[in-house]
Amino acid sequence: MSGPTQRTSIQLYRDLLRLLTHIAPGSSPKSIALRTTVRVEFEKSRNEEDPTKIEALKANAVRALSNYMLYQGGVQDKKKGGKLGAAMDSFHERSVQGIQQQTSKSGIDDKDGSGR
């Protein structure tokens, strides 16, 4: 059985577009924005010839799909009182606290998001 990155680029592109019809059906602004994002990302890499970079890009596409599906599963699970959504919230809170502690220790103040 081949892994997800063994799929061709065009197969991944089509898989993403099919998934988008489930995420945001029709021609809603969300659907248009998501399709545009997918198209732009694939267009940026259209002329890539380095096999290593192509595999990395394909792995990123698969990871993005997996992350979205995991996130949506957590959201649905949380609505049903399940543990996955609560665990995701807890992980997020710990991550944010860790980042805040690191920035306060290093003296970085980035409240306005400017990076300065």
PDB file of N, CA and C in Angstrom:
ATOM      1  N   MET A   1       0.839  -1.177   0.000  1.00  0.00           N
ATOM      2  CA  MET A   1       0.000   0.000   0.000  1.00  0.00           C
ATOM      3  C   MET A   1       0.882   1.237   0.000  1.00  0.00           C
ATOM      4  N   SER A   2       0.567   2.187  -0.865  1.00  0.00           N
ATOM      5  CA  SER A   2       1.398   3.382  -0.962  1.00  0.00           C
ATOM      6  C   SER A   2       0.938   4.424   0.047  1.00  0.00           C
ATOM      7  N   GLY A   3       1.898   5.200   0.504  1.00  0.00           N
ATOM      8  CA  GLY A   3       1.596   6.263   1.455  1.00  0.00           C
ATOM      9  C   GLY A   3       0.952   7.443   0.763  1.00  0.00           C
ATOM     10  N   PRO A   4       0.434   8.385   1.547  1.00  0.00           N
ATOM     11  CA  PRO A   4      -0.255   9.528   0.970  1.00  0.00           C
ATOM     12  C   PRO A   4       0.632  10.373   0.065  1.00  0.00           C
ATOM     13  N   THR A   5       1.939  10.437   0.347  1.00  0.00           N
ATOM     14  CA  THR A   5       2.800  11.264  -0.490  1.00  0.00           C
ATOM     15  C   THR A   5       3.149  10.547  -1.789  1.00  0.00           C
ATOM     16  N   GLN A   6       2.754   9.279  -1.949  1.00  0.00           N
ATOM     17  CA  GLN A   6       2.989   8.570  -3.202  1.00  0.00           C
ATOM     18  C   GLN A   6       1.974   8.981  -4.264  1.00  0.00           C
ATOM     19  N   ARG A   7       0.964   9.703  -3.871  1.00  0.00           N
ATOM     20  CA  ARG A   7      -0.026  10.190  -4.826  1.00  0.00           C
ATOM     21  C   ARG A   7       0.614  11.259  -5.693  1.00  0.00           C
ATOM     22  N   THR A   8       0.151  11.360  -6.902  1.00  0.00           N
ATOM     23  CA  THR A   8       0.702  12.395  -7.777  1.00  0.00           C
ATOM     24  C   THR A   8       0.187  13.756  -7.315  1.00  0.00           C
ATOM     25  N   SER A   9       0.838  14.775  -7.773  1.00  0.00           N
ATOM     26  CA  SER A   9       0.437  16.135  -7.407  1.00  0.00           C
ATOM     27  C   SER A   9      -0.984  16.425  -7.862  1.00  0.00           C
ATOM     28  N   ILE A  10      -1.322  15.968  -9.063  1.00  0.00           N
ATOM     29  CA  ILE A  10      -2.673  16.223  -9.584  1.00  0.00           C
ATOM     30  C   ILE A  10      -3.721  15.466  -8.762  1.00  0.00           C
ATOM     31  N   GLN A  11      -3.372  14.270  -8.272  1.00  0.00           N
ATOM     32  CA  GLN A  11      -4.304  13.527  -7.420  1.00  0.00           C
ATOM     33  C   GLN A  11      -4.533  14.270  -6.106  1.00  0.00           C
ATOM     34  N   LEU A  12      -3.461  14.804  -5.521  1.00  0.00           N
ATOM     35  CA  LEU A  12      -3.608  15.576  -4.282  1.00  0.00           C
ATOM     36  C   LEU A  12      -4.452  16.822  -4.514  1.00  0.00           C
ATOM     37  N   TYR A  13      -4.209  17.489  -5.626  1.00  0.00           N
ATOM     38  CA  TYR A  13      -4.966  18.693  -5.969  1.00  0.00           C
ATOM     39  C   TYR A  13      -6.454  18.362  -6.073  1.00  0.00           C
ATOM     40  N   ARG A  14      -6.761  17.298  -6.768  1.00  0.00           N
ATOM     41  CA  ARG A  14      -8.170  16.883  -6.913  1.00  0.00           C
ATOM     42  C   ARG A  14      -8.764  16.461  -5.575  1.00  0.00           C
ATOM     43  N   ASP A  15      -7.986  15.759  -4.748  1.00  0.00           N
ATOM     44  CA  ASP A  15      -8.465  15.372  -3.419  1.00  0.00           C
ATOM     45  C   ASP A  15      -8.813  16.612  -2.588  1.00  0.00           C
ATOM     46  N   LEU A  16      -7.944  17.610  -2.656  1.00  0.00           N
ATOM     47  CA  LEU A  16      -8.201  18.846  -1.912  1.00  0.00           C
ATOM     48  C   LEU A  16      -9.477  19.529  -2.408  1.00  0.00           C
ATOM     49  N   LEU A  17      -9.636  19.599  -3.715  1.00  0.00           N
ATOM     50  CA  LEU A  17     -10.849  20.236  -4.254  1.00  0.00           C
ATOM     51  C   LEU A  17     -12.103  19.460  -3.870  1.00  0.00           C
ATOM     52  N   ARG A  18     -12.014  18.122  -3.865  1.00  0.00           N
ATOM     53  CA  ARG A  18     -13.161  17.313  -3.434  1.00  0.00           C
ATOM     54  C   ARG A  18     -13.490  17.569  -1.969  1.00  0.00           C
ATOM     55  N   LEU A  19     -12.454  17.644  -1.140  1.00  0.00           N
ATOM     56  CA  LEU A  19     -12.665  17.915   0.276  1.00  0.00           C
ATOM     57  C   LEU A  19     -13.326  19.280   0.472  1.00  0.00           C
ATOM     58  N   LEU A  20     -12.915  20.243  -0.338  1.00  0.00           N
ATOM     59  CA  LEU A  20     -13.486  21.580  -0.212  1.00  0.00           C
ATOM     60  C   LEU A  20     -14.970  21.590  -0.517  1.00  0.00           C
ATOM     61  N   THR A  21     -15.428  20.701  -1.388  1.00  0.00           N
ATOM     62  CA  THR A  21     -16.870  20.659  -1.668  1.00  0.00           C
ATOM     63  C   THR A  21     -17.646  20.190  -0.440  1.00  0.00           C
ATOM     64  N   HIS A  22     -16.985  19.443   0.455  1.00  0.00           N
ATOM     65  CA  HIS A  22     -17.631  19.011   1.696  1.00  0.00           C
ATOM     66  C   HIS A  22     -17.521  20.076   2.782  1.00  0.00           C
ATOM     67  N   ILE A  23     -16.389  20.778   2.801  1.00  0.00           N
ATOM     68  CA  ILE A  23     -16.156  21.802   3.819  1.00  0.00           C
ATOM     69  C   ILE A  23     -17.027  23.017   3.568  1.00  0.00           C
ATOM     70  N   ALA A  24     -17.009  23.468   2.317  1.00  0.00           N
ATOM     71  CA  ALA A  24     -17.746  24.680   1.957  1.00  0.00           C
ATOM     72  C   ALA A  24     -18.401  24.469   0.595  1.00  0.00           C
ATOM     73  N   PRO A  25     -19.575  23.850   0.583  1.00  0.00           N
ATOM     74  CA  PRO A  25     -20.230  23.563  -0.694  1.00  0.00           C
ATOM     75  C   PRO A  25     -20.731  24.836  -1.388  1.00  0.00           C
ATOM     76  N   GLY A  26     -20.918  24.711  -2.679  1.00  0.00           N
ATOM     77  CA  GLY A  26     -21.469  25.824  -3.446  1.00  0.00           C
ATOM     78  C   GLY A  26     -20.442  26.888  -3.760  1.00  0.00           C
ATOM     79  N   SER A  27     -20.935  28.109  -3.876  1.00  0.00           N
ATOM     80  CA  SER A  27     -20.045  29.223  -4.227  1.00  0.00           C
ATOM     81  C   SER A  27     -20.072  30.302  -3.147  1.00  0.00           C
ATOM     82  N   SER A  28     -20.027  29.857  -1.904  1.00  0.00           N
ATOM     83  CA  SER A  28     -19.990  30.800  -0.791  1.00  0.00           C
ATOM     84  C   SER A  28     -18.632  31.500  -0.773  1.00  0.00           C
ATOM     85  N   PRO A  29     -18.532  32.629  -0.108  1.00  0.00           N
ATOM     86  CA  PRO A  29     -17.226  33.303  -0.010  1.00  0.00           C
ATOM     87  C   PRO A  29     -16.149  32.395   0.582  1.00  0.00           C
ATOM     88  N   LYS A  30     -16.514  31.567   1.568  1.00  0.00           N
ATOM     89  CA  LYS A  30     -15.546  30.638   2.170  1.00  0.00           C
ATOM     90  C   LYS A  30     -15.064  29.638   1.129  1.00  0.00           C
ATOM     91  N   SER A  31     -15.978  29.089   0.346  1.00  0.00           N
ATOM     92  CA  SER A  31     -15.627  28.119  -0.686  1.00  0.00           C
ATOM     93  C   SER A  31     -14.704  28.733  -1.727  1.00  0.00           C
ATOM     94  N   ILE A  32     -15.026  29.923  -2.172  1.00  0.00           N
ATOM     95  CA  ILE A  32     -14.207  30.603  -3.176  1.00  0.00           C
ATOM     96  C   ILE A  32     -12.818  30.887  -2.627  1.00  0.00           C
ATOM     97  N   ALA A  33     -12.747  31.347  -1.389  1.00  0.00           N
ATOM     98  CA  ALA A  33     -11.452  31.661  -0.773  1.00  0.00           C
ATOM     99  C   ALA A  33     -10.597  30.403  -0.628  1.00  0.00           C
ATOM    100  N   LEU A  34     -11.193  29.301  -0.189  1.00  0.00           N
ATOM    101  CA  LEU A  34     -10.440  28.060  -0.013  1.00  0.00           C
ATOM    102  C   LEU A  34      -9.944  27.510  -1.346  1.00  0.00           C
ATOM    103  N   ARG A  35     -10.828  27.514  -2.365  1.00  0.00           N
ATOM    104  CA  ARG A  35     -10.403  27.030  -3.681  1.00  0.00           C
ATOM    105  C   ARG A  35      -9.287  27.899  -4.252  1.00  0.00           C
ATOM    106  N   THR A  36      -9.402  29.202  -4.051  1.00  0.00           N
ATOM    107  CA  THR A  36      -8.374  30.118  -4.539  1.00  0.00           C
ATOM    108  C   THR A  36      -7.052  29.848  -3.846  1.00  0.00           C
ATOM    109  N   THR A  37      -7.091  29.641  -2.534  1.00  0.00           N
ATOM    110  CA  THR A  37      -5.871  29.352  -1.776  1.00  0.00           C
ATOM    111  C   THR A  37      -5.200  28.080  -2.286  1.00  0.00           C
ATOM    112  N   VAL A  38      -5.969  27.022  -2.474  1.00  0.00           N
ATOM    113  CA  VAL A  38      -5.416  25.762  -2.965  1.00  0.00           C
ATOM    114  C   VAL A  38      -4.810  25.966  -4.355  1.00  0.00           C
ATOM    115  N   ARG A  39      -5.547  26.637  -5.230  1.00  0.00           N
ATOM    116  CA  ARG A  39      -5.063  26.858  -6.589  1.00  0.00           C
ATOM    117  C   ARG A  39      -3.763  27.663  -6.599  1.00  0.00           C
ATOM    118  N   VAL A  40      -3.716  28.729  -5.808  1.00  0.00           N
ATOM    119  CA  VAL A  40      -2.519  29.580  -5.752  1.00  0.00           C
ATOM    120  C   VAL A  40      -1.315  28.793  -5.235  1.00  0.00           C
ATOM    121  N   GLU A  41      -1.510  28.002  -4.181  1.00  0.00           N
ATOM    122  CA  GLU A  41      -0.397  27.226  -3.630  1.00  0.00           C
ATOM    123  C   GLU A  41       0.143  26.216  -4.636  1.00  0.00           C
ATOM    124  N   PHE A  42      -0.741  25.567  -5.367  1.00  0.00           N
ATOM    125  CA  PHE A  42      -0.277  24.623  -6.372  1.00  0.00           C
ATOM    126  C   PHE A  42       0.369  25.340  -7.554  1.00  0.00           C
ATOM    127  N   GLU A  43      -0.168  26.487  -7.942  1.00  0.00           N
ATOM    128  CA  GLU A  43       0.418  27.259  -9.049  1.00  0.00           C
ATOM    129  C   GLU A  43       1.830  27.732  -8.716  1.00  0.00           C
ATOM    130  N   LYS A  44       2.068  28.118  -7.455  1.00  0.00           N
ATOM    131  CA  LYS A  44       3.396  28.588  -7.055  1.00  0.00           C
ATOM    132  C   LYS A  44       4.456  27.508  -7.279  1.00  0.00           C
ATOM    133  N   SER A  45       4.045  26.262  -7.182  1.00  0.00           N
ATOM    134  CA  SER A  45       5.005  25.156  -7.272  1.00  0.00           C
ATOM    135  C   SER A  45       4.915  24.403  -8.598  1.00  0.00           C
ATOM    136  N   ARG A  46       4.184  24.941  -9.528  1.00  0.00           N
ATOM    137  CA  ARG A  46       3.946  24.244 -10.797  1.00  0.00           C
ATOM    138  C   ARG A  46       5.235  23.851 -11.514  1.00  0.00           C
ATOM    139  N   ASN A  47       6.220  24.718 -11.529  1.00  0.00           N
ATOM    140  CA  ASN A  47       7.440  24.467 -12.294  1.00  0.00           C
ATOM    141  C   ASN A  47       8.575  23.868 -11.466  1.00  0.00           C
ATOM    142  N   GLU A  48       8.248  23.425 -10.265  1.00  0.00           N
ATOM    143  CA  GLU A  48       9.271  22.817  -9.401  1.00  0.00           C
ATOM    144  C   GLU A  48       9.721  21.484 -10.007  1.00  0.00           C
ATOM    145  N   GLU A  49      11.033  21.286 -10.092  1.00  0.00           N
ATOM    146  CA  GLU A  49      11.561  20.060 -10.682  1.00  0.00           C
ATOM    147  C   GLU A  49      12.369  19.217  -9.699  1.00  0.00           C
ATOM    148  N   ASP A  50      12.739  19.790  -8.561  1.00  0.00           N
ATOM    149  CA  ASP A  50      13.536  19.066  -7.571  1.00  0.00           C
ATOM    150  C   ASP A  50      12.642  18.040  -6.866  1.00  0.00           C
ATOM    151  N   PRO A  51      12.931  16.737  -7.046  1.00  0.00           N
ATOM    152  CA  PRO A  51      12.084  15.694  -6.449  1.00  0.00           C
ATOM    153  C   PRO A  51      11.964  15.811  -4.926  1.00  0.00           C
ATOM    154  N   THR A  52      13.022  16.238  -4.272  1.00  0.00           N
ATOM    155  CA  THR A  52      12.983  16.382  -2.812  1.00  0.00           C
ATOM    156  C   THR A  52      11.996  17.472  -2.407  1.00  0.00           C
ATOM    157  N   LYS A  53      12.050  18.590  -3.101  1.00  0.00           N
ATOM    158  CA  LYS A  53      11.122  19.691  -2.799  1.00  0.00           C
ATOM    159  C   LYS A  53       9.686  19.303  -3.135  1.00  0.00           C
ATOM    160  N   ILE A  54       9.507  18.576  -4.229  1.00  0.00           N
ATOM    161  CA  ILE A  54       8.158  18.139  -4.613  1.00  0.00           C
ATOM    162  C   ILE A  54       7.576  17.232  -3.542  1.00  0.00           C
ATOM    163  N   GLU A  55       8.372  16.286  -3.044  1.00  0.00           N
ATOM    164  CA  GLU A  55       7.896  15.394  -1.984  1.00  0.00           C
ATOM    165  C   GLU A  55       7.567  16.174  -0.713  1.00  0.00           C
ATOM    166  N   ALA A  56       8.380  17.180  -0.397  1.00  0.00           N
ATOM    167  CA  ALA A  56       8.113  18.011   0.786  1.00  0.00           C
ATOM    168  C   ALA A  56       6.815  18.789   0.608  1.00  0.00           C
ATOM    169  N   LEU A  57       6.592  19.327  -0.574  1.00  0.00           N
ATOM    170  CA  LEU A  57       5.355  20.066  -0.840  1.00  0.00           C
ATOM    171  C   LEU A  57       4.142  19.147  -0.764  1.00  0.00           C
ATOM    172  N   LYS A  58       4.275  17.949  -1.303  1.00  0.00           N
ATOM    173  CA  LYS A  58       3.173  16.990  -1.236  1.00  0.00           C
ATOM    174  C   LYS A  58       2.901  16.583   0.206  1.00  0.00           C
ATOM    175  N   ALA A  59       3.963  16.383   0.978  1.00  0.00           N
ATOM    176  CA  ALA A  59       3.783  16.032   2.393  1.00  0.00           C
ATOM    177  C   ALA A  59       3.100  17.165   3.143  1.00  0.00           C
ATOM    178  N   ASN A  60       3.439  18.408   2.808  1.00  0.00           N
ATOM    179  CA  ASN A  60       2.779  19.561   3.435  1.00  0.00           C
ATOM    180  C   ASN A  60       1.296  19.591   3.105  1.00  0.00           C
ATOM    181  N   ALA A  61       0.944  19.267   1.869  1.00  0.00           N
ATOM    182  CA  ALA A  61      -0.466  19.248   1.470  1.00  0.00           C
ATOM    183  C   ALA A  61      -1.229  18.178   2.245  1.00  0.00           C
ATOM    184  N   VAL A  62      -0.625  16.995   2.369  1.00  0.00           N
ATOM    185  CA  VAL A  62      -1.260  15.901   3.119  1.00  0.00           C
ATOM    186  C   VAL A  62      -1.395  16.294   4.589  1.00  0.00           C
ATOM    187  N   ARG A  63      -0.359  16.922   5.143  1.00  0.00           N
ATOM    188  CA  ARG A  63      -0.390  17.352   6.547  1.00  0.00           C
ATOM    189  C   ARG A  63      -1.491  18.385   6.767  1.00  0.00           C
ATOM    190  N   ALA A  64      -1.641  19.301   5.826  1.00  0.00           N
ATOM    191  CA  ALA A  64      -2.684  20.319   5.949  1.00  0.00           C
ATOM    192  C   ALA A  64      -4.068  19.674   5.965  1.00  0.00           C
ATOM    193  N   LEU A  65      -4.274  18.699   5.088  1.00  0.00           N
ATOM    194  CA  LEU A  65      -5.549  17.974   5.076  1.00  0.00           C
ATOM    195  C   LEU A  65      -5.782  17.255   6.400  1.00  0.00           C
ATOM    196  N   SER A  66      -4.754  16.577   6.874  1.00  0.00           N
ATOM    197  CA  SER A  66      -4.868  15.823   8.130  1.00  0.00           C
ATOM    198  C   SER A  66      -5.150  16.754   9.301  1.00  0.00           C
ATOM    199  N   ASN A  67      -4.438  17.863   9.354  1.00  0.00           N
ATOM    200  CA  ASN A  67      -4.649  18.822  10.442  1.00  0.00           C
ATOM    201  C   ASN A  67      -6.060  19.376  10.425  1.00  0.00           C
ATOM    202  N   TYR A  68      -6.553  19.701   9.250  1.00  0.00           N
ATOM    203  CA  TYR A  68      -7.905  20.233   9.163  1.00  0.00           C
ATOM    204  C   TYR A  68      -8.916  19.194   9.620  1.00  0.00           C
ATOM    205  N   MET A  69      -8.737  17.963   9.153  1.00  0.00           N
ATOM    206  CA  MET A  69      -9.684  16.913   9.534  1.00  0.00           C
ATOM    207  C   MET A  69      -9.629  16.644  11.029  1.00  0.00           C
ATOM    208  N   LEU A  70      -8.434  16.662  11.622  1.00  0.00           N
ATOM    209  CA  LEU A  70      -8.298  16.474  13.061  1.00  0.00           C
ATOM    210  C   LEU A  70      -8.980  17.622  13.808  1.00  0.00           C
ATOM    211  N   TYR A  71      -8.751  18.847  13.349  1.00  0.00           N
ATOM    212  CA  TYR A  71      -9.356  20.016  13.983  1.00  0.00           C
ATOM    213  C   TYR A  71     -10.878  19.925  13.930  1.00  0.00           C
ATOM    214  N   GLN A  72     -11.412  19.614  12.756  1.00  0.00           N
ATOM    215  CA  GLN A  72     -12.868  19.512  12.623  1.00  0.00           C
ATOM    216  C   GLN A  72     -13.421  18.385  13.487  1.00  0.00           C
ATOM    217  N   GLY A  73     -12.688  17.265  13.567  1.00  0.00           N
ATOM    218  CA  GLY A  73     -13.107  16.162  14.429  1.00  0.00           C
ATOM    219  C   GLY A  73     -13.144  16.595  15.886  1.00  0.00           C
ATOM    220  N   GLY A  74     -12.157  17.378  16.296  1.00  0.00           N
ATOM    221  CA  GLY A  74     -12.117  17.888  17.664  1.00  0.00           C
ATOM    222  C   GLY A  74     -13.261  18.827  17.956  1.00  0.00           C
ATOM    223  N   VAL A  75     -13.593  19.669  16.977  1.00  0.00           N
ATOM    224  CA  VAL A  75     -14.706  20.608  17.146  1.00  0.00           C
ATOM    225  C   VAL A  75     -16.016  19.839  17.297  1.00  0.00           C
ATOM    226  N   GLN A  76     -16.226  18.848  16.428  1.00  0.00           N
ATOM    227  CA  GLN A  76     -17.447  18.046  16.505  1.00  0.00           C
ATOM    228  C   GLN A  76     -17.497  17.247  17.808  1.00  0.00           C
ATOM    229  N   ASP A  77     -16.354  16.704  18.211  1.00  0.00           N
ATOM    230  CA  ASP A  77     -16.279  15.915  19.426  1.00  0.00           C
ATOM    231  C   ASP A  77     -16.580  16.785  20.652  1.00  0.00           C
ATOM    232  N   LYS A  78     -16.050  18.003  20.645  1.00  0.00           N
ATOM    233  CA  LYS A  78     -16.266  18.918  21.766  1.00  0.00           C
ATOM    234  C   LYS A  78     -17.756  19.246  21.920  1.00  0.00           C
ATOM    235  N   LYS A  79     -18.421  19.422  20.790  1.00  0.00           N
ATOM    236  CA  LYS A  79     -19.858  19.721  20.822  1.00  0.00           C
ATOM    237  C   LYS A  79     -20.644  18.566  21.444  1.00  0.00           C
ATOM    238  N   LYS A  80     -20.110  17.358  21.293  1.00  0.00           N
ATOM    239  CA  LYS A  80     -20.776  16.170  21.826  1.00  0.00           C
ATOM    240  C   LYS A  80     -20.282  15.818  23.220  1.00  0.00           C
ATOM    241  N   GLY A  81     -19.407  16.651  23.789  1.00  0.00           N
ATOM    242  CA  GLY A  81     -18.903  16.402  25.134  1.00  0.00           C
ATOM    243  C   GLY A  81     -17.761  15.412  25.180  1.00  0.00           C
ATOM    244  N   GLY A  82     -17.109  15.182  24.036  1.00  0.00           N
ATOM    245  CA  GLY A  82     -16.025  14.197  23.977  1.00  0.00           C
ATOM    246  C   GLY A  82     -14.708  14.737  24.513  1.00  0.00           C
ATOM    247  N   LYS A  83     -13.735  13.844  24.602  1.00  0.00           N
ATOM    248  CA  LYS A  83     -12.446  14.186  25.192  1.00  0.00           C
ATOM    249  C   LYS A  83     -11.477  14.833  24.196  1.00  0.00           C
ATOM    250  N   LEU A  84     -11.615  14.554  22.900  1.00  0.00           N
ATOM    251  CA  LEU A  84     -10.668  15.076  21.920  1.00  0.00           C
ATOM    252  C   LEU A  84     -10.692  16.601  21.881  1.00  0.00           C
ATOM    253  N   GLY A  85     -11.884  17.183  21.815  1.00  0.00           N
ATOM    254  CA  GLY A  85     -11.991  18.641  21.780  1.00  0.00           C
ATOM    255  C   GLY A  85     -11.425  19.284  23.031  1.00  0.00           C
ATOM    256  N   ALA A  86     -11.699  18.690  24.186  1.00  0.00           N
ATOM    257  CA  ALA A  86     -11.171  19.224  25.446  1.00  0.00           C
ATOM    258  C   ALA A  86      -9.646  19.097  25.482  1.00  0.00           C
ATOM    259  N   ALA A  87      -9.118  17.989  24.986  1.00  0.00           N
ATOM    260  CA  ALA A  87      -7.663  17.793  24.957  1.00  0.00           C
ATOM    261  C   ALA A  87      -7.007  18.806  24.022  1.00  0.00           C
ATOM    262  N   MET A  88      -7.651  19.095  22.880  1.00  0.00           N
ATOM    263  CA  MET A  88      -7.116  20.089  21.950  1.00  0.00           C
ATOM    264  C   MET A  88      -7.096  21.476  22.583  1.00  0.00           C
ATOM    265  N   ASP A  89      -8.156  21.824  23.297  1.00  0.00           N
ATOM    266  CA  ASP A  89      -8.202  23.118  23.985  1.00  0.00           C
ATOM    267  C   ASP A  89      -7.106  23.218  25.035  1.00  0.00           C
ATOM    268  N   SER A  90      -6.929  22.158  25.800  1.00  0.00           N
ATOM    269  CA  SER A  90      -5.911  22.135  26.840  1.00  0.00           C
ATOM    270  C   SER A  90      -4.514  22.276  26.237  1.00  0.00           C
ATOM    271  N   PHE A  91      -4.254  21.565  25.148  1.00  0.00           N
ATOM    272  CA  PHE A  91      -2.961  21.654  24.469  1.00  0.00           C
ATOM    273  C   PHE A  91      -2.715  23.075  23.966  1.00  0.00           C
ATOM    274  N   HIS A  92      -3.743  23.667  23.390  1.00  0.00           N
ATOM    275  CA  HIS A  92      -3.612  25.036  22.871  1.00  0.00           C
ATOM    276  C   HIS A  92      -3.292  26.016  24.003  1.00  0.00           C
ATOM    277  N   GLU A  93      -3.989  25.893  25.115  1.00  0.00           N
ATOM    278  CA  GLU A  93      -3.747  26.788  26.253  1.00  0.00           C
ATOM    279  C   GLU A  93      -2.322  26.640  26.768  1.00  0.00           C
ATOM    280  N   ARG A  94      -1.840  25.394  26.887  1.00  0.00           N
ATOM    281  CA  ARG A  94      -0.462  25.173  27.348  1.00  0.00           C
ATOM    282  C   ARG A  94       0.546  25.736  26.350  1.00  0.00           C
ATOM    283  N   SER A  95       0.275  25.595  25.077  1.00  0.00           N
ATOM    284  CA  SER A  95       1.178  26.124  24.051  1.00  0.00           C
ATOM    285  C   SER A  95       1.257  27.640  24.119  1.00  0.00           C
ATOM    286  N   VAL A  96       0.113  28.281  24.252  1.00  0.00           N
ATOM    287  CA  VAL A  96       0.073  29.745  24.325  1.00  0.00           C
ATOM    288  C   VAL A  96       0.802  30.222  25.578  1.00  0.00           C
ATOM    289  N   GLN A  97       0.580  29.553  26.695  1.00  0.00           N
ATOM    290  CA  GLN A  97       1.262  29.937  27.929  1.00  0.00           C
ATOM    291  C   GLN A  97       2.775  29.777  27.788  1.00  0.00           C
ATOM    292  N   GLY A  98       3.216  28.700  27.145  1.00  0.00           N
ATOM    293  CA  GLY A  98       4.640  28.484  26.938  1.00  0.00           C
ATOM    294  C   GLY A  98       5.258  29.565  26.065  1.00  0.00           C
ATOM    295  N   ILE A  99       4.549  29.958  25.028  1.00  0.00           N
ATOM    296  CA  ILE A  99       5.041  31.024  24.154  1.00  0.00           C
ATOM    297  C   ILE A  99       5.103  32.335  24.912  1.00  0.00           C
ATOM    298  N   GLN A 100       4.076  32.614  25.705  1.00  0.00           N
ATOM    299  CA  GLN A 100       4.065  33.856  26.481  1.00  0.00           C
ATOM    300  C   GLN A 100       5.216  33.886  27.478  1.00  0.00           C
ATOM    301  N   GLN A 101       5.492  32.751  28.107  1.00  0.00           N
ATOM    302  CA  GLN A 101       6.603  32.692  29.063  1.00  0.00           C
ATOM    303  C   GLN A 101       7.940  32.894  28.357  1.00  0.00           C
ATOM    304  N   GLN A 102       8.113  32.308  27.191  1.00  0.00           N
ATOM    305  CA  GLN A 102       9.359  32.467  26.434  1.00  0.00           C
ATOM    306  C   GLN A 102       9.564  33.919  26.026  1.00  0.00           C
ATOM    307  N   THR A 103       8.507  34.565  25.564  1.00  0.00           N
ATOM    308  CA  THR A 103       8.650  35.954  25.128  1.00  0.00           C
ATOM    309  C   THR A 103       8.890  36.880  26.311  1.00  0.00           C
ATOM    310  N   SER A 104       8.290  36.576  27.462  1.00  0.00           N
ATOM    311  CA  SER A 104       8.513  37.440  28.627  1.00  0.00           C
ATOM    312  C   SER A 104       9.931  37.264  29.168  1.00  0.00           C
ATOM    313  N   LYS A 105      10.480  36.034  29.090  1.00  0.00           N
ATOM    314  CA  LYS A 105      11.850  35.799  29.543  1.00  0.00           C
ATOM    315  C   LYS A 105      12.866  36.483  28.636  1.00  0.00           C
ATOM    316  N   SER A 106      12.555  36.520  27.326  1.00  0.00           N
ATOM    317  CA  SER A 106      13.513  37.110  26.391  1.00  0.00           C
ATOM    318  C   SER A 106      13.322  38.612  26.258  1.00  0.00           C
ATOM    319  N   GLY A 107      12.296  39.160  26.922  1.00  0.00           N
ATOM    320  CA  GLY A 107      12.067  40.599  26.896  1.00  0.00           C
ATOM    321  C   GLY A 107      11.394  41.078  25.629  1.00  0.00           C
ATOM    322  N   ILE A 108      10.824  40.165  24.871  1.00  0.00           N
ATOM    323  CA  ILE A 108      10.133  40.548  23.644  1.00  0.00           C
ATOM    324  C   ILE A 108       8.711  40.935  23.997  1.00  0.00           C
ATOM    325  N   ASP A 109       8.303  42.104  23.506  1.00  0.00           N
ATOM    326  CA  ASP A 109       6.937  42.568  23.706  1.00  0.00           C
ATOM    327  C   ASP A 109       6.312  42.768  22.336  1.00  0.00           C
ATOM    328  N   ASP A 110       5.448  41.848  21.935  1.00  0.00           N
ATOM    329  CA  ASP A 110       4.877  41.871  20.595  1.00  0.00           C
ATOM    330  C   ASP A 110       3.357  41.904  20.671  1.00  0.00           C
ATOM    331  N   LYS A 111       2.825  42.793  21.489  1.00  0.00           N
ATOM    332  CA  LYS A 111       1.367  42.846  21.652  1.00  0.00           C
ATOM    333  C   LYS A 111       0.659  43.315  20.408  1.00  0.00           C
ATOM    334  N   ASP A 112       1.338  44.145  19.599  1.00  0.00           N
ATOM    335  CA  ASP A 112       0.677  44.645  18.399  1.00  0.00           C
ATOM    336  C   ASP A 112       0.902  43.744  17.193  1.00  0.00           C
ATOM    337  N   GLY A 113       1.666  42.637  17.347  1.00  0.00           N
ATOM    338  CA  GLY A 113       1.890  41.690  16.275  1.00  0.00           C
ATOM    339  C   GLY A 113       2.869  42.178  15.229  1.00  0.00           C
ATOM    340  N   SER A 114       3.589  43.239  15.503  1.00  0.00           N
ATOM    341  CA  SER A 114       4.497  43.812  14.515  1.00  0.00           C
ATOM    342  C   SER A 114       5.838  43.101  14.445  1.00  0.00           C
ATOM    343  N   GLY A 115       6.145  42.285  15.448  1.00  0.00           N
ATOM    344  CA  GLY A 115       7.410  41.586  15.469  1.00  0.00           C
ATOM    345  C   GLY A 115       8.549  42.458  15.987  1.00  0.00           C
ATOM    346  N   ARG A 116       8.232  43.638  16.493  1.00  0.00           N
ATOM    347  CA  ARG A 116       9.265  44.552  16.997  1.00  0.00           C
ATOM    348  C   ARG A 116       9.223  44.611  18.499  1.00  0.00           C
TER     349      ARG A 116
END
